[in-house]
Amino acid sequence: MLLPHVLMICKHLEAKRDSPYAGIFIDRQIASLKQVGVRVSTFDMGMSLSPIHVFYKWLELRRQVRQLSPDLVHGQYGTIVGFLTAFAGRPAVISFCGGDLQGGHTASLLRTYSGHVLSNLAALRARKLICKSPRLKEALWWRRDQAMVIPNGIDLELFSPGSQQDARQQLGWNQKHQIVLFNAGSDPKVKGLDIAQESMKVVRTRLPQAQLCVISDVQPDVMPIYFRAADVLLNASRSEGSPNAVKEALACNLPVVSTPVGDVEERLAGVQPSAVVPRDAEAMAEALVRILVERKRSNGRERVINLSLDQVARQILAVYQSVLTARYSARM
C-alpha cells in the first residue's frame, strides 16, 4: 500500500488568530489522514486576495514544494487555493466545498464568478477532484469523470446521542419549552436567518412557547450538547456544499428541517422525524410544528454511520493512491 506524503494547501490557519475554530473540519480531516498513515504537511494561503500577496504566496508554495518534495498536493477549496494548488509543481487533488463552484453567497457577482472560473480552470489541471456532494460535482463545467463525491467526515464519538434533560441543564434551558436550533455560522444572510425568524413567527401562533436558539462560533466540543438539548435543527440555507451541522445533528439523533441544499435530501432520506422543505416560511413552520408537537428523537445516526472520520480518511487515501499509481505507471 502506498502511504504518501501530502502537502495540504488551505487558507484557514491564519484565520485561527481571530477565530480559533476556523477550518475545524479541515483540521479533523488532517488528523484522521494521519491516523491512517498519511504523512501530512500544511501550507496556508492566508486570507488576503491581493494579487501581490497571492503571487508571493505562490512563490513561497513552490519553494516549500521543492524543499519538502511531497508526493502530491491537496487543495482544500477551489478558487485561488485550487488554482495555485494546480500549479504547485506536484500532482494535485482539489476538494470543492460549496461556494467555490456554486452561487448563493453574499460576495459580489464578479468575485463569485471569478472564483468559479478559477475553480474550473484548476479542475482542468488537477489529477483528481473531490466534491462534497453530488450537486457540487454537477456544478463542475468539465472533468466530472475525475470527481469523487466524498463528504466531510464526522467525529461519531464526539457527536452522539445523549440525555436531553442533562444537556438542557448544562445550557440552562427550560425543560418544557420546544426549542428550534439554528446555526447562523459566519454569514447569517446566506444561512437564511431572516426566513428562519419569519417561520418561527408562524410556529408561535400554534406553539406559543416555541423558541429559536441562534448560535454562532460555538466551541466544537460544546456543539453536541446543543444538538442533544434542542428538539429540531432548522437549516434554511440558500446554498451549501454538504452542510456539516446537518450531519452532526443526525449523528446525535436530532430531527432536522432543511431546505434542499447540498446533499441534504440524500442525508434525510428515511430519517424520521425530519423534513426537506422549500425556502418558504409557511412550509418550514408546518414541518417544525409537526416535529415540535411530537418531541421525538430521530433515527438519523444510522444514516451517517458510514461517514466516520476513519472511513472518510480511507476514501481520501484511496484517491491519493490512485493518483500515485497512475503516475508511477506512466513512468514505466
C-alpha atoms as a PDB file:
ATOM      1  CA  MET A   1       0.000   0.000   0.000  1.00  0.00           C
ATOM      2  CA  LEU A   2       1.304   3.436  -0.947  1.00  0.00           C
ATOM      3  CA  LEU A   3       1.271   5.809   2.039  1.00  0.00           C
ATOM      4  CA  PRO A   4       2.021   9.207   0.540  1.00  0.00           C
ATOM      5  CA  HIS A   5       3.420  12.449   1.837  1.00  0.00           C
ATOM      6  CA  VAL A   6       0.752  15.095   1.131  1.00  0.00           C
ATOM      7  CA  LEU A   7       1.110  18.856   1.294  1.00  0.00           C
ATOM      8  CA  MET A   8      -2.297  20.169   2.350  1.00  0.00           C
ATOM      9  CA  ILE A   9      -2.927  23.659   0.942  1.00  0.00           C
ATOM     10  CA  CYS A  10      -5.550  25.659   2.821  1.00  0.00           C
ATOM     11  CA  LYS A  11      -6.439  29.184   3.911  1.00  0.00           C
ATOM     12  CA  HIS A  12      -7.743  28.835   7.476  1.00  0.00           C
ATOM     13  CA  LEU A  13      -4.608  28.635   9.617  1.00  0.00           C
ATOM     14  CA  GLU A  14      -4.015  32.394   9.633  1.00  0.00           C
ATOM     15  CA  ALA A  15      -7.713  32.954  10.370  1.00  0.00           C
ATOM     16  CA  LYS A  16      -7.377  30.976  13.612  1.00  0.00           C
ATOM     17  CA  ARG A  17      -5.782  34.008  15.257  1.00  0.00           C
ATOM     18  CA  ASP A  18      -9.191  35.732  15.229  1.00  0.00           C
ATOM     19  CA  SER A  19     -11.451  32.667  15.074  1.00  0.00           C
ATOM     20  CA  PRO A  20      -9.932  29.657  16.876  1.00  0.00           C
ATOM     21  CA  TYR A  21     -12.390  27.199  15.328  1.00  0.00           C
ATOM     22  CA  ALA A  22     -11.900  28.245  11.716  1.00  0.00           C
ATOM     23  CA  GLY A  23     -11.395  25.271   9.430  1.00  0.00           C
ATOM     24  CA  ILE A  24     -12.183  22.728  12.153  1.00  0.00           C
ATOM     25  CA  PHE A  25     -13.348  20.239   9.508  1.00  0.00           C
ATOM     26  CA  ILE A  26     -10.050  20.501   7.652  1.00  0.00           C
ATOM     27  CA  ASP A  27      -8.157  20.027  10.918  1.00  0.00           C
ATOM     28  CA  ARG A  28     -10.196  16.901  11.659  1.00  0.00           C
ATOM     29  CA  GLN A  29      -9.570  15.571   8.171  1.00  0.00           C
ATOM     30  CA  ILE A  30      -5.833  16.123   8.510  1.00  0.00           C
ATOM     31  CA  ALA A  31      -5.806  14.354  11.881  1.00  0.00           C
ATOM     32  CA  SER A  32      -7.800  11.407  10.517  1.00  0.00           C
ATOM     33  CA  LEU A  33      -5.496  11.090   7.494  1.00  0.00           C
ATOM     34  CA  LYS A  34      -2.509  10.942   9.824  1.00  0.00           C
ATOM     35  CA  GLN A  35      -4.296   8.198  11.769  1.00  0.00           C
ATOM     36  CA  VAL A  36      -4.452   6.020   8.636  1.00  0.00           C
ATOM     37  CA  GLY A  37      -0.764   6.551   7.946  1.00  0.00           C
ATOM     38  CA  VAL A  38      -0.631   9.539   5.611  1.00  0.00           C
ATOM     39  CA  ARG A  39       2.214  11.970   6.228  1.00  0.00           C
ATOM     40  CA  VAL A  40       0.686  15.458   6.068  1.00  0.00           C
ATOM     41  CA  SER A  41       2.406  18.841   5.850  1.00  0.00           C
ATOM     42  CA  THR A  42       0.447  22.086   5.576  1.00  0.00           C
ATOM     43  CA  PHE A  43       0.727  25.345   3.666  1.00  0.00           C
ATOM     44  CA  ASP A  44      -1.542  28.293   4.457  1.00  0.00           C
ATOM     45  CA  MET A  45      -2.511  30.729   1.703  1.00  0.00           C
ATOM     46  CA  GLY A  46      -3.729  33.371   4.152  1.00  0.00           C
ATOM     47  CA  MET A  47      -6.884  35.431   3.795  1.00  0.00           C
ATOM     48  CA  SER A  48      -5.704  38.267   1.559  1.00  0.00           C
ATOM     49  CA  LEU A  49      -6.853  38.297  -2.078  1.00  0.00           C
ATOM     50  CA  SER A  50      -4.380  40.990  -3.095  1.00  0.00           C
ATOM     51  CA  PRO A  51      -2.713  39.972  -6.402  1.00  0.00           C
ATOM     52  CA  ILE A  52       0.703  40.798  -4.955  1.00  0.00           C
ATOM     53  CA  HIS A  53       0.009  38.708  -1.846  1.00  0.00           C
ATOM     54  CA  VAL A  54      -1.262  35.801  -3.957  1.00  0.00           C
ATOM     55  CA  PHE A  55       1.794  35.959  -6.252  1.00  0.00           C
ATOM     56  CA  TYR A  56       4.264  35.884  -3.361  1.00  0.00           C
ATOM     57  CA  LYS A  57       2.318  33.081  -1.707  1.00  0.00           C
ATOM     58  CA  TRP A  58       2.587  31.077  -4.941  1.00  0.00           C
ATOM     59  CA  LEU A  59       6.355  31.603  -4.996  1.00  0.00           C
ATOM     60  CA  GLU A  60       6.530  30.562  -1.342  1.00  0.00           C
ATOM     61  CA  LEU A  61       4.416  27.496  -2.108  1.00  0.00           C
ATOM     62  CA  ARG A  62       6.720  26.458  -4.938  1.00  0.00           C
ATOM     63  CA  ARG A  63       9.746  26.818  -2.619  1.00  0.00           C
ATOM     64  CA  GLN A  64       8.077  24.687   0.038  1.00  0.00           C
ATOM     65  CA  VAL A  65       7.205  22.030  -2.521  1.00  0.00           C
ATOM     66  CA  ARG A  66      10.845  21.864  -3.616  1.00  0.00           C
ATOM     67  CA  GLN A  67      12.048  21.664  -0.006  1.00  0.00           C
ATOM     68  CA  LEU A  68       9.539  19.068   1.223  1.00  0.00           C
ATOM     69  CA  SER A  69       9.193  17.119  -2.034  1.00  0.00           C
ATOM     70  CA  PRO A  70       5.691  15.780  -1.243  1.00  0.00           C
ATOM     71  CA  ASP A  71       4.188  13.029  -3.381  1.00  0.00           C
ATOM     72  CA  LEU A  72       1.184  15.207  -4.120  1.00  0.00           C
ATOM     73  CA  VAL A  73      -0.595  18.385  -3.068  1.00  0.00           C
ATOM     74  CA  HIS A  74      -4.206  18.637  -1.899  1.00  0.00           C
ATOM     75  CA  GLY A  75      -6.040  21.970  -2.113  1.00  0.00           C
ATOM     76  CA  GLN A  76      -8.773  22.353   0.476  1.00  0.00           C
ATOM     77  CA  TYR A  77     -11.078  24.595  -1.589  1.00  0.00           C
ATOM     78  CA  GLY A  78     -11.314  25.864  -5.137  1.00  0.00           C
ATOM     79  CA  THR A  79     -10.922  29.492  -6.330  1.00  0.00           C
ATOM     80  CA  ILE A  80      -7.426  30.886  -5.603  1.00  0.00           C
ATOM     81  CA  VAL A  81      -6.470  27.950  -3.351  1.00  0.00           C
ATOM     82  CA  GLY A  82      -7.412  25.406  -6.001  1.00  0.00           C
ATOM     83  CA  PHE A  83      -5.794  27.377  -8.810  1.00  0.00           C
ATOM     84  CA  LEU A  84      -2.446  27.697  -7.042  1.00  0.00           C
ATOM     85  CA  THR A  85      -2.640  24.062  -5.946  1.00  0.00           C
ATOM     86  CA  ALA A  86      -2.903  23.071  -9.602  1.00  0.00           C
ATOM     87  CA  PHE A  87       0.327  24.982 -10.338  1.00  0.00           C
ATOM     88  CA  ALA A  88       2.275  23.948  -7.232  1.00  0.00           C
ATOM     89  CA  GLY A  89       4.592  21.627  -9.143  1.00  0.00           C
ATOM     90  CA  ARG A  90       3.228  18.286  -7.916  1.00  0.00           C
ATOM     91  CA  PRO A  91       0.256  16.062  -8.855  1.00  0.00           C
ATOM     92  CA  ALA A  92      -2.785  17.856  -7.469  1.00  0.00           C
ATOM     93  CA  VAL A  93      -6.003  16.808  -5.757  1.00  0.00           C
ATOM     94  CA  ILE A  94      -8.570  19.550  -5.154  1.00  0.00           C
ATOM     95  CA  SER A  95     -11.553  19.429  -2.784  1.00  0.00           C
ATOM     96  CA  PHE A  96     -14.526  21.606  -3.757  1.00  0.00           C
ATOM     97  CA  CYS A  97     -16.702  22.583  -0.812  1.00  0.00           C
ATOM     98  CA  GLY A  98     -19.592  24.839  -1.937  1.00  0.00           C
ATOM     99  CA  GLY A  99     -19.151  28.486  -2.778  1.00  0.00           C
ATOM    100  CA  ASP A 100     -16.165  27.696  -4.955  1.00  0.00           C
ATOM    101  CA  LEU A 101     -18.471  26.074  -7.532  1.00  0.00           C
ATOM    102  CA  GLN A 102     -21.971  27.361  -6.856  1.00  0.00           C
ATOM    103  CA  GLY A 103     -23.725  30.632  -6.050  1.00  0.00           C
ATOM    104  CA  GLY A 104     -25.864  31.696  -3.132  1.00  0.00           C
ATOM    105  CA  HIS A 105     -23.222  33.585  -1.154  1.00  0.00           C
ATOM    106  CA  THR A 106     -23.038  37.267  -0.348  1.00  0.00           C
ATOM    107  CA  ALA A 107     -19.866  38.042  -2.291  1.00  0.00           C
ATOM    108  CA  SER A 108     -20.209  40.282  -5.354  1.00  0.00           C
ATOM    109  CA  LEU A 109     -21.247  38.655  -8.606  1.00  0.00           C
ATOM    110  CA  LEU A 110     -17.856  39.464 -10.133  1.00  0.00           C
ATOM    111  CA  ARG A 111     -15.954  37.894  -7.253  1.00  0.00           C
ATOM    112  CA  THR A 112     -18.249  34.862  -7.218  1.00  0.00           C
ATOM    113  CA  TYR A 113     -17.956  34.271 -10.969  1.00  0.00           C
ATOM    114  CA  SER A 114     -14.181  34.828 -10.902  1.00  0.00           C
ATOM    115  CA  GLY A 115     -13.940  32.193  -8.183  1.00  0.00           C
ATOM    116  CA  HIS A 116     -15.951  29.745 -10.274  1.00  0.00           C
ATOM    117  CA  VAL A 117     -13.690  30.374 -13.282  1.00  0.00           C
ATOM    118  CA  LEU A 118     -10.543  29.769 -11.218  1.00  0.00           C
ATOM    119  CA  SER A 119     -12.059  26.621  -9.709  1.00  0.00           C
ATOM    120  CA  ASN A 120     -12.900  25.144 -13.091  1.00  0.00           C
ATOM    121  CA  LEU A 121      -9.542  26.076 -14.604  1.00  0.00           C
ATOM    122  CA  ALA A 122      -7.882  24.340 -11.657  1.00  0.00           C
ATOM    123  CA  ALA A 123     -10.077  21.288 -12.291  1.00  0.00           C
ATOM    124  CA  LEU A 124      -8.611  21.030 -15.805  1.00  0.00           C
ATOM    125  CA  ARG A 125      -5.111  20.573 -14.427  1.00  0.00           C
ATOM    126  CA  ALA A 126      -5.734  18.552 -11.250  1.00  0.00           C
ATOM    127  CA  ARG A 127      -5.277  14.778 -11.311  1.00  0.00           C
ATOM    128  CA  LYS A 128      -8.324  14.085  -9.135  1.00  0.00           C
ATOM    129  CA  LEU A 129     -11.224  16.128  -7.782  1.00  0.00           C
ATOM    130  CA  ILE A 130     -13.230  15.667  -4.586  1.00  0.00           C
ATOM    131  CA  CYS A 131     -16.702  17.191  -4.302  1.00  0.00           C
ATOM    132  CA  LYS A 132     -18.579  17.267  -1.012  1.00  0.00           C
ATOM    133  CA  SER A 133     -21.936  16.433  -2.662  1.00  0.00           C
ATOM    134  CA  PRO A 134     -23.386  15.238  -5.991  1.00  0.00           C
ATOM    135  CA  ARG A 135     -24.712  18.756  -6.636  1.00  0.00           C
ATOM    136  CA  LEU A 136     -21.198  20.156  -6.457  1.00  0.00           C
ATOM    137  CA  LYS A 137     -19.993  17.508  -8.880  1.00  0.00           C
ATOM    138  CA  GLU A 138     -22.750  18.526 -11.300  1.00  0.00           C
ATOM    139  CA  ALA A 139     -21.682  22.173 -10.923  1.00  0.00           C
ATOM    140  CA  LEU A 140     -18.293  21.416 -12.498  1.00  0.00           C
ATOM    141  CA  TRP A 141     -18.051  22.729 -16.038  1.00  0.00           C
ATOM    142  CA  TRP A 142     -15.889  19.810 -17.131  1.00  0.00           C
ATOM    143  CA  ARG A 143     -13.889  16.770 -15.929  1.00  0.00           C
ATOM    144  CA  ARG A 144     -16.724  15.393 -13.824  1.00  0.00           C
ATOM    145  CA  ASP A 145     -15.341  11.945 -14.605  1.00  0.00           C
ATOM    146  CA  GLN A 146     -12.334  12.808 -12.418  1.00  0.00           C
ATOM    147  CA  ALA A 147     -14.520  13.846  -9.469  1.00  0.00           C
ATOM    148  CA  MET A 148     -15.316  11.684  -6.452  1.00  0.00           C
ATOM    149  CA  VAL A 149     -18.128  12.567  -4.057  1.00  0.00           C
ATOM    150  CA  ILE A 150     -16.695  12.394  -0.533  1.00  0.00           C
ATOM    151  CA  PRO A 151     -18.420  14.475   2.186  1.00  0.00           C
ATOM    152  CA  ASN A 152     -16.587  15.690   5.271  1.00  0.00           C
ATOM    153  CA  GLY A 153     -16.316  13.023   7.929  1.00  0.00           C
ATOM    154  CA  ILE A 154     -17.990  13.226  11.329  1.00  0.00           C
ATOM    155  CA  ASP A 155     -16.455  12.578  14.728  1.00  0.00           C
ATOM    156  CA  LEU A 156     -19.017   9.958  15.779  1.00  0.00           C
ATOM    157  CA  GLU A 157     -17.519   9.687  19.253  1.00  0.00           C
ATOM    158  CA  LEU A 158     -17.977  13.404  19.894  1.00  0.00           C
ATOM    159  CA  PHE A 159     -21.318  13.721  18.123  1.00  0.00           C
ATOM    160  CA  SER A 160     -23.503  11.068  19.718  1.00  0.00           C
ATOM    161  CA  PRO A 161     -26.974  10.805  21.271  1.00  0.00           C
ATOM    162  CA  GLY A 162     -27.410  11.718  24.914  1.00  0.00           C
ATOM    163  CA  SER A 163     -29.875  12.846  27.555  1.00  0.00           C
ATOM    164  CA  GLN A 164     -31.862  15.909  26.525  1.00  0.00           C
ATOM    165  CA  GLN A 165     -32.612  16.677  30.148  1.00  0.00           C
ATOM    166  CA  ASP A 166     -28.939  16.671  31.132  1.00  0.00           C
ATOM    167  CA  ALA A 167     -27.985  18.781  28.103  1.00  0.00           C
ATOM    168  CA  ARG A 168     -30.637  21.378  28.934  1.00  0.00           C
ATOM    169  CA  GLN A 169     -29.439  21.558  32.492  1.00  0.00           C
ATOM    170  CA  GLN A 170     -25.915  22.273  31.253  1.00  0.00           C
ATOM    171  CA  LEU A 171     -27.166  25.061  28.966  1.00  0.00           C
ATOM    172  CA  GLY A 172     -29.703  26.448  31.444  1.00  0.00           C
ATOM    173  CA  TRP A 173     -32.636  25.823  29.097  1.00  0.00           C
ATOM    174  CA  ASN A 174     -36.249  25.363  30.188  1.00  0.00           C
ATOM    175  CA  GLN A 175     -37.106  21.651  30.111  1.00  0.00           C
ATOM    176  CA  LYS A 176     -40.656  22.202  28.821  1.00  0.00           C
ATOM    177  CA  HIS A 177     -40.124  24.710  26.002  1.00  0.00           C
ATOM    178  CA  GLN A 178     -39.885  23.473  22.413  1.00  0.00           C
ATOM    179  CA  ILE A 179     -36.581  24.724  21.024  1.00  0.00           C
ATOM    180  CA  VAL A 180     -35.513  25.067  17.407  1.00  0.00           C
ATOM    181  CA  LEU A 181     -31.739  25.246  16.917  1.00  0.00           C
ATOM    182  CA  PHE A 182     -30.364  27.463  14.143  1.00  0.00           C
ATOM    183  CA  ASN A 183     -26.662  27.728  13.269  1.00  0.00           C
ATOM    184  CA  ALA A 184     -26.050  31.177  11.758  1.00  0.00           C
ATOM    185  CA  GLY A 185     -22.355  30.495  11.153  1.00  0.00           C
ATOM    186  CA  SER A 186     -20.327  33.448   9.904  1.00  0.00           C
ATOM    187  CA  ASP A 187     -22.926  34.592   7.337  1.00  0.00           C
ATOM    188  CA  PRO A 188     -26.488  34.724   8.754  1.00  0.00           C
ATOM    189  CA  LYS A 189     -27.861  36.051   5.460  1.00  0.00           C
ATOM    190  CA  VAL A 190     -26.670  33.046   3.447  1.00  0.00           C
ATOM    191  CA  LYS A 191     -27.774  30.717   6.250  1.00  0.00           C
ATOM    192  CA  GLY A 192     -31.279  32.192   5.958  1.00  0.00           C
ATOM    193  CA  LEU A 193     -31.723  33.698   9.412  1.00  0.00           C
ATOM    194  CA  ASP A 194     -34.386  36.060   8.084  1.00  0.00           C
ATOM    195  CA  ILE A 195     -36.669  33.306   6.804  1.00  0.00           C
ATOM    196  CA  ALA A 196     -35.983  31.201   9.906  1.00  0.00           C
ATOM    197  CA  GLN A 197     -37.239  34.049  12.096  1.00  0.00           C
ATOM    198  CA  GLU A 198     -40.246  34.516   9.831  1.00  0.00           C
ATOM    199  CA  SER A 199     -41.116  30.827  10.054  1.00  0.00           C
ATOM    200  CA  MET A 200     -40.874  30.935  13.849  1.00  0.00           C
ATOM    201  CA  LYS A 201     -43.482  33.705  13.972  1.00  0.00           C
ATOM    202  CA  VAL A 202     -45.839  31.269  12.262  1.00  0.00           C
ATOM    203  CA  VAL A 203     -44.830  28.424  14.598  1.00  0.00           C
ATOM    204  CA  ARG A 204     -45.572  30.529  17.676  1.00  0.00           C
ATOM    205  CA  THR A 205     -49.152  31.130  16.544  1.00  0.00           C
ATOM    206  CA  ARG A 206     -49.678  27.428  17.281  1.00  0.00           C
ATOM    207  CA  LEU A 207     -46.966  26.769  19.862  1.00  0.00           C
ATOM    208  CA  PRO A 208     -46.514  29.979  21.900  1.00  0.00           C
ATOM    209  CA  GLN A 209     -43.633  28.577  23.980  1.00  0.00           C
ATOM    210  CA  ALA A 210     -41.546  27.577  20.967  1.00  0.00           C
ATOM    211  CA  GLN A 211     -38.186  29.339  20.796  1.00  0.00           C
ATOM    212  CA  LEU A 212     -35.495  29.852  18.172  1.00  0.00           C
ATOM    213  CA  CYS A 213     -31.973  29.406  19.550  1.00  0.00           C
ATOM    214  CA  VAL A 214     -29.488  31.082  17.190  1.00  0.00           C
ATOM    215  CA  ILE A 215     -25.881  30.002  17.637  1.00  0.00           C
ATOM    216  CA  SER A 216     -22.601  31.020  16.006  1.00  0.00           C
ATOM    217  CA  ASP A 217     -18.927  30.246  16.706  1.00  0.00           C
ATOM    218  CA  VAL A 218     -19.735  27.694  19.381  1.00  0.00           C
ATOM    219  CA  GLN A 219     -16.775  25.742  20.710  1.00  0.00           C
ATOM    220  CA  PRO A 220     -16.727  22.456  18.728  1.00  0.00           C
ATOM    221  CA  ASP A 221     -16.672  20.264  21.848  1.00  0.00           C
ATOM    222  CA  VAL A 222     -19.821  22.011  23.104  1.00  0.00           C
ATOM    223  CA  MET A 223     -21.851  21.571  19.906  1.00  0.00           C
ATOM    224  CA  PRO A 224     -23.092  18.061  20.800  1.00  0.00           C
ATOM    225  CA  ILE A 225     -24.698  19.490  23.939  1.00  0.00           C
ATOM    226  CA  TYR A 226     -26.771  21.874  21.797  1.00  0.00           C
ATOM    227  CA  PHE A 227     -27.786  19.053  19.457  1.00  0.00           C
ATOM    228  CA  ARG A 228     -28.880  16.894  22.402  1.00  0.00           C
ATOM    229  CA  ALA A 229     -30.729  19.760  24.092  1.00  0.00           C
ATOM    230  CA  ALA A 230     -32.726  21.008  21.096  1.00  0.00           C
ATOM    231  CA  ASP A 231     -35.894  19.490  19.642  1.00  0.00           C
ATOM    232  CA  VAL A 232     -35.053  20.138  15.987  1.00  0.00           C
ATOM    233  CA  LEU A 233     -32.353  21.725  13.824  1.00  0.00           C
ATOM    234  CA  LEU A 234     -33.535  24.211  11.199  1.00  0.00           C
ATOM    235  CA  ASN A 235     -31.287  24.636   8.167  1.00  0.00           C
ATOM    236  CA  ALA A 236     -32.641  27.435   5.950  1.00  0.00           C
ATOM    237  CA  SER A 237     -29.544  27.967   3.805  1.00  0.00           C
ATOM    238  CA  ARG A 238     -29.653  29.409   0.315  1.00  0.00           C
ATOM    239  CA  SER A 239     -26.635  27.352  -0.721  1.00  0.00           C
ATOM    240  CA  GLU A 240     -24.449  24.637   0.822  1.00  0.00           C
ATOM    241  CA  GLY A 241     -21.942  22.066  -0.302  1.00  0.00           C
ATOM    242  CA  SER A 242     -22.642  19.366   2.270  1.00  0.00           C
ATOM    243  CA  PRO A 243     -23.815  21.071   5.475  1.00  0.00           C
ATOM    244  CA  ASN A 244     -21.802  19.690   8.365  1.00  0.00           C
ATOM    245  CA  ALA A 245     -24.280  20.839  11.012  1.00  0.00           C
ATOM    246  CA  VAL A 246     -26.963  18.635   9.442  1.00  0.00           C
ATOM    247  CA  LYS A 247     -24.733  15.558   9.539  1.00  0.00           C
ATOM    248  CA  GLU A 248     -23.627  16.273  13.113  1.00  0.00           C
ATOM    249  CA  ALA A 249     -27.234  16.767  14.217  1.00  0.00           C
ATOM    250  CA  LEU A 250     -28.171  13.446  12.629  1.00  0.00           C
ATOM    251  CA  ALA A 251     -25.298  11.770  14.481  1.00  0.00           C
ATOM    252  CA  CYS A 252     -26.945  12.990  17.698  1.00  0.00           C
ATOM    253  CA  ASN A 253     -30.390  11.762  16.524  1.00  0.00           C
ATOM    254  CA  LEU A 254     -31.708  15.329  16.380  1.00  0.00           C
ATOM    255  CA  PRO A 255     -34.565  15.792  13.861  1.00  0.00           C
ATOM    256  CA  VAL A 256     -33.780  18.196  11.007  1.00  0.00           C
ATOM    257  CA  VAL A 257     -35.893  20.509   8.865  1.00  0.00           C
ATOM    258  CA  SER A 258     -33.906  21.774   5.904  1.00  0.00           C
ATOM    259  CA  THR A 259     -34.077  23.425   2.536  1.00  0.00           C
ATOM    260  CA  PRO A 260     -32.989  21.129  -0.343  1.00  0.00           C
ATOM    261  CA  VAL A 261     -29.351  22.229  -0.481  1.00  0.00           C
ATOM    262  CA  GLY A 262     -26.166  20.225  -0.957  1.00  0.00           C
ATOM    263  CA  ASP A 263     -26.672  16.557  -0.111  1.00  0.00           C
ATOM    264  CA  VAL A 264     -29.434  17.161   2.455  1.00  0.00           C
ATOM    265  CA  GLU A 265     -32.070  15.193   0.547  1.00  0.00           C
ATOM    266  CA  GLU A 266     -29.767  12.172   0.470  1.00  0.00           C
ATOM    267  CA  ARG A 267     -28.897  12.517   4.161  1.00  0.00           C
ATOM    268  CA  LEU A 268     -32.516  12.886   5.295  1.00  0.00           C
ATOM    269  CA  ALA A 269     -33.874  10.063   3.132  1.00  0.00           C
ATOM    270  CA  GLY A 270     -35.516   7.617   5.549  1.00  0.00           C
ATOM    271  CA  VAL A 271     -34.915   9.817   8.610  1.00  0.00           C
ATOM    272  CA  GLN A 272     -37.955  10.168  10.855  1.00  0.00           C
ATOM    273  CA  PRO A 273     -38.934  12.648  12.089  1.00  0.00           C
ATOM    274  CA  SER A 274     -37.307  15.133   9.698  1.00  0.00           C
ATOM    275  CA  ALA A 275     -38.281  17.024   6.536  1.00  0.00           C
ATOM    276  CA  VAL A 276     -36.890  18.681   3.408  1.00  0.00           C
ATOM    277  CA  VAL A 277     -38.960  21.753   2.552  1.00  0.00           C
ATOM    278  CA  PRO A 278     -38.860  24.716   0.143  1.00  0.00           C
ATOM    279  CA  ARG A 279     -37.383  28.041   1.299  1.00  0.00           C
ATOM    280  CA  ASP A 280     -40.825  29.178   2.378  1.00  0.00           C
ATOM    281  CA  ALA A 281     -41.705  30.305   5.883  1.00  0.00           C
ATOM    282  CA  GLU A 282     -45.107  28.579   5.898  1.00  0.00           C
ATOM    283  CA  ALA A 283     -43.680  25.254   4.693  1.00  0.00           C
ATOM    284  CA  MET A 284     -40.872  25.413   7.261  1.00  0.00           C
ATOM    285  CA  ALA A 285     -43.305  26.272  10.029  1.00  0.00           C
ATOM    286  CA  GLU A 286     -45.618  23.379   9.139  1.00  0.00           C
ATOM    287  CA  ALA A 287     -42.743  20.886   9.294  1.00  0.00           C
ATOM    288  CA  LEU A 288     -41.390  22.387  12.528  1.00  0.00           C
ATOM    289  CA  VAL A 289     -44.769  22.236  14.259  1.00  0.00           C
ATOM    290  CA  ARG A 290     -45.200  18.541  13.396  1.00  0.00           C
ATOM    291  CA  ILE A 291     -41.837  17.728  14.952  1.00  0.00           C
ATOM    292  CA  LEU A 292     -42.193  20.041  17.950  1.00  0.00           C
ATOM    293  CA  VAL A 293     -45.583  18.550  18.867  1.00  0.00           C
ATOM    294  CA  GLU A 294     -44.096  15.024  18.899  1.00  0.00           C
ATOM    295  CA  ARG A 295     -40.774  15.929  20.555  1.00  0.00           C
ATOM    296  CA  LYS A 296     -39.215  12.637  19.439  1.00  0.00           C
ATOM    297  CA  ARG A 297     -35.603  11.902  18.583  1.00  0.00           C
ATOM    298  CA  SER A 298     -34.815  10.732  15.069  1.00  0.00           C
ATOM    299  CA  ASN A 299     -33.086   7.674  13.639  1.00  0.00           C
ATOM    300  CA  GLY A 300     -30.552   9.967  11.972  1.00  0.00           C
ATOM    301  CA  ARG A 301     -27.401   8.347  13.326  1.00  0.00           C
ATOM    302  CA  GLU A 302     -27.926   5.220  11.246  1.00  0.00           C
ATOM    303  CA  ARG A 303     -27.937   7.437   8.134  1.00  0.00           C
ATOM    304  CA  VAL A 304     -24.475   8.901   8.805  1.00  0.00           C
ATOM    305  CA  ILE A 305     -22.730   5.955  10.406  1.00  0.00           C
ATOM    306  CA  ASN A 306     -20.741   5.464   7.186  1.00  0.00           C
ATOM    307  CA  LEU A 307     -19.304   8.986   7.440  1.00  0.00           C
ATOM    308  CA  SER A 308     -16.967   8.406  10.351  1.00  0.00           C
ATOM    309  CA  LEU A 309     -13.661  10.267  10.190  1.00  0.00           C
ATOM    310  CA  ASP A 310     -11.807   6.988   9.707  1.00  0.00           C
ATOM    311  CA  GLN A 311     -13.969   5.787   6.802  1.00  0.00           C
ATOM    312  CA  VAL A 312     -13.781   9.129   5.010  1.00  0.00           C
ATOM    313  CA  ALA A 313      -9.994   9.279   5.540  1.00  0.00           C
ATOM    314  CA  ARG A 314      -9.664   5.868   3.890  1.00  0.00           C
ATOM    315  CA  GLN A 315     -11.713   7.052   0.909  1.00  0.00           C
ATOM    316  CA  ILE A 316      -9.409  10.061   0.508  1.00  0.00           C
ATOM    317  CA  LEU A 317      -6.352   7.830   0.884  1.00  0.00           C
ATOM    318  CA  ALA A 318      -7.708   5.693  -1.971  1.00  0.00           C
ATOM    319  CA  VAL A 319      -7.876   8.842  -4.119  1.00  0.00           C
ATOM    320  CA  TYR A 320      -4.247   9.643  -3.292  1.00  0.00           C
ATOM    321  CA  GLN A 321      -3.189   6.103  -4.113  1.00  0.00           C
ATOM    322  CA  SER A 322      -4.972   6.188  -7.475  1.00  0.00           C
ATOM    323  CA  VAL A 323      -3.094   9.381  -8.380  1.00  0.00           C
ATOM    324  CA  LEU A 324       0.276   7.937  -7.406  1.00  0.00           C
ATOM    325  CA  THR A 325      -0.384   4.585  -9.066  1.00  0.00           C
ATOM    326  CA  ALA A 326      -1.262   6.329 -12.330  1.00  0.00           C
ATOM    327  CA  ARG A 327       1.842   8.494 -12.013  1.00  0.00           C
ATOM    328  CA  TYR A 328       4.174   5.573 -11.437  1.00  0.00           C
ATOM    329  CA  SER A 329       2.550   3.543 -14.223  1.00  0.00           C
ATOM    330  CA  ALA A 330       3.103   6.406 -16.657  1.00  0.00           C
ATOM    331  CA  ARG A 331       6.815   6.426 -15.820  1.00  0.00           C
ATOM    332  CA  MET A 332       7.284   2.724 -16.604  1.00  0.00           C
END
